[in-house]
C-alpha atoms as a PDB file:
ATOM      1  CA  MET A   1       0.000   0.000   0.000  1.00  0.00           C
ATOM      2  CA  THR A   2       1.420   3.370  -0.957  1.00  0.00           C
ATOM      3  CA  LEU A   3       1.999   6.167   1.545  1.00  0.00           C
ATOM      4  CA  ILE A   4      -0.846   8.181   0.013  1.00  0.00           C
ATOM      5  CA  ALA A   5      -3.260   5.242   0.212  1.00  0.00           C
ATOM      6  CA  LYS A   6      -2.285   4.576   3.838  1.00  0.00           C
ATOM      7  CA  SER A   7      -2.825   8.228   4.767  1.00  0.00           C
ATOM      8  CA  LEU A   8      -6.260   8.210   3.087  1.00  0.00           C
ATOM      9  CA  VAL A   9      -7.247   5.216   5.209  1.00  0.00           C
ATOM     10  CA  LEU A  10      -5.678   6.395   8.458  1.00  0.00           C
ATOM     11  CA  PHE A  11      -6.699  10.080   8.325  1.00  0.00           C
ATOM     12  CA  PRO A  12     -10.401   9.547   9.178  1.00  0.00           C
ATOM     13  CA  LEU A  13      -9.416   7.255  12.063  1.00  0.00           C
ATOM     14  CA  ALA A  14      -6.868   9.744  13.386  1.00  0.00           C
ATOM     15  CA  ALA A  15      -9.395  12.602  13.081  1.00  0.00           C
ATOM     16  CA  ALA A  16     -11.983  10.593  15.023  1.00  0.00           C
ATOM     17  CA  ALA A  17      -9.458   9.780  17.764  1.00  0.00           C
ATOM     18  CA  TRP A  18      -8.421  13.432  17.992  1.00  0.00           C
ATOM     19  CA  LEU A  19     -12.045  14.592  18.237  1.00  0.00           C
ATOM     20  CA  ALA A  20     -12.774  11.981  20.914  1.00  0.00           C
ATOM     21  CA  GLY A  21     -10.231  13.664  23.163  1.00  0.00           C
ATOM     22  CA  CYS A  22     -11.946  17.060  22.860  1.00  0.00           C
ATOM     23  CA  GLY A  23     -13.987  17.666  25.981  1.00  0.00           C
ATOM     24  CA  GLY A  24     -15.580  14.240  26.406  1.00  0.00           C
ATOM     25  CA  GLU A  25     -17.660  14.508  23.259  1.00  0.00           C
ATOM     26  CA  LYS A  26     -19.065  11.530  21.408  1.00  0.00           C
ATOM     27  CA  VAL A  27     -17.652  10.984  17.933  1.00  0.00           C
ATOM     28  CA  VAL A  28     -19.626   9.330  15.177  1.00  0.00           C
ATOM     29  CA  VAL A  29     -17.809   8.178  12.046  1.00  0.00           C
ATOM     30  CA  VAL A  30     -20.242   7.596   9.211  1.00  0.00           C
ATOM     31  CA  PRO A  31     -18.814   5.334   6.488  1.00  0.00           C
ATOM     32  CA  PRO A  32     -19.483   6.091   2.829  1.00  0.00           C
ATOM     33  CA  PRO A  33     -22.699   4.636   1.419  1.00  0.00           C
ATOM     34  CA  ALA A  34     -22.409   1.089   0.086  1.00  0.00           C
ATOM     35  CA  SER A  35     -23.964   2.169  -3.205  1.00  0.00           C
ATOM     36  CA  THR A  36     -21.009   4.389  -4.156  1.00  0.00           C
ATOM     37  CA  PRO A  37     -20.298   3.578  -7.822  1.00  0.00           C
ATOM     38  CA  GLN A  38     -16.898   2.022  -8.443  1.00  0.00           C
ATOM     39  CA  PRO A  39     -14.810   2.756 -11.543  1.00  0.00           C
ATOM     40  CA  SER A  40     -15.057   0.053 -14.176  1.00  0.00           C
ATOM     41  CA  ALA A  41     -11.418   0.408 -15.227  1.00  0.00           C
ATOM     42  CA  LEU A  42      -8.218   1.563 -13.603  1.00  0.00           C
ATOM     43  CA  VAL A  43      -7.200   5.057 -14.644  1.00  0.00           C
ATOM     44  CA  ALA A  44      -3.784   6.595 -13.968  1.00  0.00           C
ATOM     45  CA  THR A  45      -5.030   9.489 -11.834  1.00  0.00           C
ATOM     46  CA  ALA A  46      -4.629  10.470  -8.200  1.00  0.00           C
ATOM     47  CA  PRO A  47      -6.523   8.136  -5.852  1.00  0.00           C
ATOM     48  CA  VAL A  48      -9.926   9.329  -4.678  1.00  0.00           C
ATOM     49  CA  SER A  49     -10.912   8.517  -1.130  1.00  0.00           C
ATOM     50  CA  PRO A  50     -14.497   7.706  -0.199  1.00  0.00           C
ATOM     51  CA  GLN A  51     -16.260  10.438   1.720  1.00  0.00           C
ATOM     52  CA  VAL A  52     -16.162   9.916   5.482  1.00  0.00           C
ATOM     53  CA  ILE A  53     -18.214  12.152   7.724  1.00  0.00           C
ATOM     54  CA  VAL A  54     -17.005  12.682  11.278  1.00  0.00           C
ATOM     55  CA  GLN A  55     -19.732  14.128  13.460  1.00  0.00           C
ATOM     56  CA  SER A  56     -18.810  15.366  16.924  1.00  0.00           C
ATOM     57  CA  VAL A  57     -21.666  15.304  19.434  1.00  0.00           C
ATOM     58  CA  PRO A  58     -21.281  17.637  22.437  1.00  0.00           C
ATOM     59  CA  ALA A  59     -20.910  16.141  25.892  1.00  0.00           C
ATOM     60  CA  MET A  60     -24.153  15.641  27.752  1.00  0.00           C
ATOM     61  CA  PRO A  61     -24.896  18.380  30.307  1.00  0.00           C
ATOM     62  CA  ALA A  62     -25.121  17.523  34.000  1.00  0.00           C
ATOM     63  CA  PRO A  63     -28.607  16.281  34.857  1.00  0.00           C
ATOM     64  CA  PRO A  64     -30.797  18.683  36.825  1.00  0.00           C
ATOM     65  CA  VAL A  65     -31.774  17.808  40.380  1.00  0.00           C
ATOM     66  CA  GLU A  66     -35.065  15.936  40.307  1.00  0.00           C
ATOM     67  CA  THR A  67     -37.633  15.910  43.076  1.00  0.00           C
ATOM     68  CA  ILE A  68     -39.025  12.406  43.502  1.00  0.00           C
ATOM     69  CA  THR A  69     -42.667  12.725  44.413  1.00  0.00           C
ATOM     70  CA  THR A  70     -44.671  10.269  46.526  1.00  0.00           C
ATOM     71  CA  SER A  71     -45.429   6.988  44.794  1.00  0.00           C
ATOM     72  CA  PRO A  72     -48.952   6.855  43.359  1.00  0.00           C
ATOM     73  CA  GLY A  73     -49.393   3.381  44.835  1.00  0.00           C
ATOM     74  CA  PRO A  74     -48.092  -0.178  45.064  1.00  0.00           C
ATOM     75  CA  GLY A  75     -46.473  -1.610  41.930  1.00  0.00           C
ATOM     76  CA  TYR A  76     -44.937   1.717  40.832  1.00  0.00           C
ATOM     77  CA  VAL A  77     -41.202   2.314  40.309  1.00  0.00           C
ATOM     78  CA  TRP A  78     -39.495   5.706  39.982  1.00  0.00           C
ATOM     79  CA  VAL A  79     -37.648   5.997  36.659  1.00  0.00           C
ATOM     80  CA  ALA A  80     -35.094   8.819  36.684  1.00  0.00           C
ATOM     81  CA  GLY A  81     -35.065  11.443  33.942  1.00  0.00           C
ATOM     82  CA  TYR A  82     -32.539  11.438  31.112  1.00  0.00           C
ATOM     83  CA  TYR A  83     -31.248  13.560  28.249  1.00  0.00           C
ATOM     84  CA  ASP A  84     -32.627  12.676  24.823  1.00  0.00           C
ATOM     85  CA  TRP A  85     -30.454  13.555  21.786  1.00  0.00           C
ATOM     86  CA  ARG A  86     -32.611  15.273  19.129  1.00  0.00           C
ATOM     87  CA  GLY A  87     -30.119  15.323  16.253  1.00  0.00           C
ATOM     88  CA  ASP A  88     -28.466  18.631  17.141  1.00  0.00           C
ATOM     89  CA  HIS A  89     -29.164  19.180  20.856  1.00  0.00           C
ATOM     90  CA  TYR A  90     -30.142  17.427  24.081  1.00  0.00           C
ATOM     91  CA  VAL A  91     -33.608  17.675  25.625  1.00  0.00           C
ATOM     92  CA  TRP A  92     -34.248  16.750  29.272  1.00  0.00           C
ATOM     93  CA  VAL A  93     -36.993  14.120  29.730  1.00  0.00           C
ATOM     94  CA  PRO A  94     -38.111  14.311  33.386  1.00  0.00           C
ATOM     95  CA  GLY A  95     -38.407  11.234  35.584  1.00  0.00           C
ATOM     96  CA  SER A  96     -41.757   9.636  36.285  1.00  0.00           C
ATOM     97  CA  TRP A  97     -43.482   6.800  38.100  1.00  0.00           C
ATOM     98  CA  LEU A  98     -44.096   3.671  35.971  1.00  0.00           C
ATOM     99  CA  THR A  99     -46.084   0.578  36.822  1.00  0.00           C
ATOM    100  CA  THR A 100     -44.122  -2.650  36.799  1.00  0.00           C
ATOM    101  CA  PRO A 101     -45.279  -5.212  34.220  1.00  0.00           C
ATOM    102  CA  ARG A 102     -44.715  -8.011  36.787  1.00  0.00           C
ATOM    103  CA  ALA A 103     -43.549  -8.287  40.392  1.00  0.00           C
ATOM    104  CA  THR A 104     -40.032  -9.495  39.452  1.00  0.00           C
ATOM    105  CA  ALA A 105     -39.425  -6.871  36.737  1.00  0.00           C
ATOM    106  CA  ALA A 106     -36.432  -4.543  37.054  1.00  0.00           C
ATOM    107  CA  TRP A 107     -35.995  -1.241  35.167  1.00  0.00           C
ATOM    108  CA  ARG A 108     -32.816  -0.908  33.116  1.00  0.00           C
ATOM    109  CA  PRO A 109     -32.103   2.800  32.484  1.00  0.00           C
ATOM    110  CA  GLY A 110     -31.370   4.043  28.976  1.00  0.00           C
ATOM    111  CA  HIS A 111     -27.691   4.385  28.100  1.00  0.00           C
ATOM    112  CA  TRP A 112     -25.264   5.124  25.259  1.00  0.00           C
ATOM    113  CA  GLU A 113     -23.549   2.060  23.818  1.00  0.00           C
ATOM    114  CA  SER A 114     -20.386   2.182  21.712  1.00  0.00           C
ATOM    115  CA  VAL A 115     -21.117   0.618  18.321  1.00  0.00           C
ATOM    116  CA  GLY A 116     -18.889   0.532  15.216  1.00  0.00           C
ATOM    117  CA  GLY A 117     -17.061   3.850  15.580  1.00  0.00           C
ATOM    118  CA  GLY A 118     -20.028   5.717  17.060  1.00  0.00           C
ATOM    119  CA  TYR A 119     -22.717   5.464  19.713  1.00  0.00           C
ATOM    120  CA  ASP A 120     -26.274   4.150  19.761  1.00  0.00           C
ATOM    121  CA  TRP A 121     -28.888   5.093  22.370  1.00  0.00           C
ATOM    122  CA  VAL A 122     -30.429   2.065  24.054  1.00  0.00           C
ATOM    123  CA  PRO A 123     -33.754   3.209  25.573  1.00  0.00           C
ATOM    124  CA  GLY A 124     -34.720   2.262  29.112  1.00  0.00           C
ATOM    125  CA  HIS A 125     -36.652  -0.993  29.362  1.00  0.00           C
ATOM    126  CA  TRP A 126     -37.970  -3.649  31.737  1.00  0.00           C
ATOM    127  CA  GLN A 127     -36.026  -6.860  32.314  1.00  0.00           C
END
């Protein structure tokens, strides 16, 4: 692999690593679409790299202090609030009381999970 080809492959990875160290932000690397047309013959021109989009998501703000109200009754569990990412900003979703689907159910809070160079939001759910 030539030096130019190696730099075209390594640059997006290095940029993502550099952005990850900037203030605790999440970094999402979006690979080029699979339907990118490929040349049908080799041409003696400079290599063209596929487009790679590196999106830096700002760090989540500190959660506000929530006041947990009195339970509405037996079979309710307090589910803490969370920040929901809306594509370009976070929105606070306040906590609430939820009824348990069964006596042995446990609430698993929503969380960000590292997946393939980026992050996916896993919503809260009952286990």
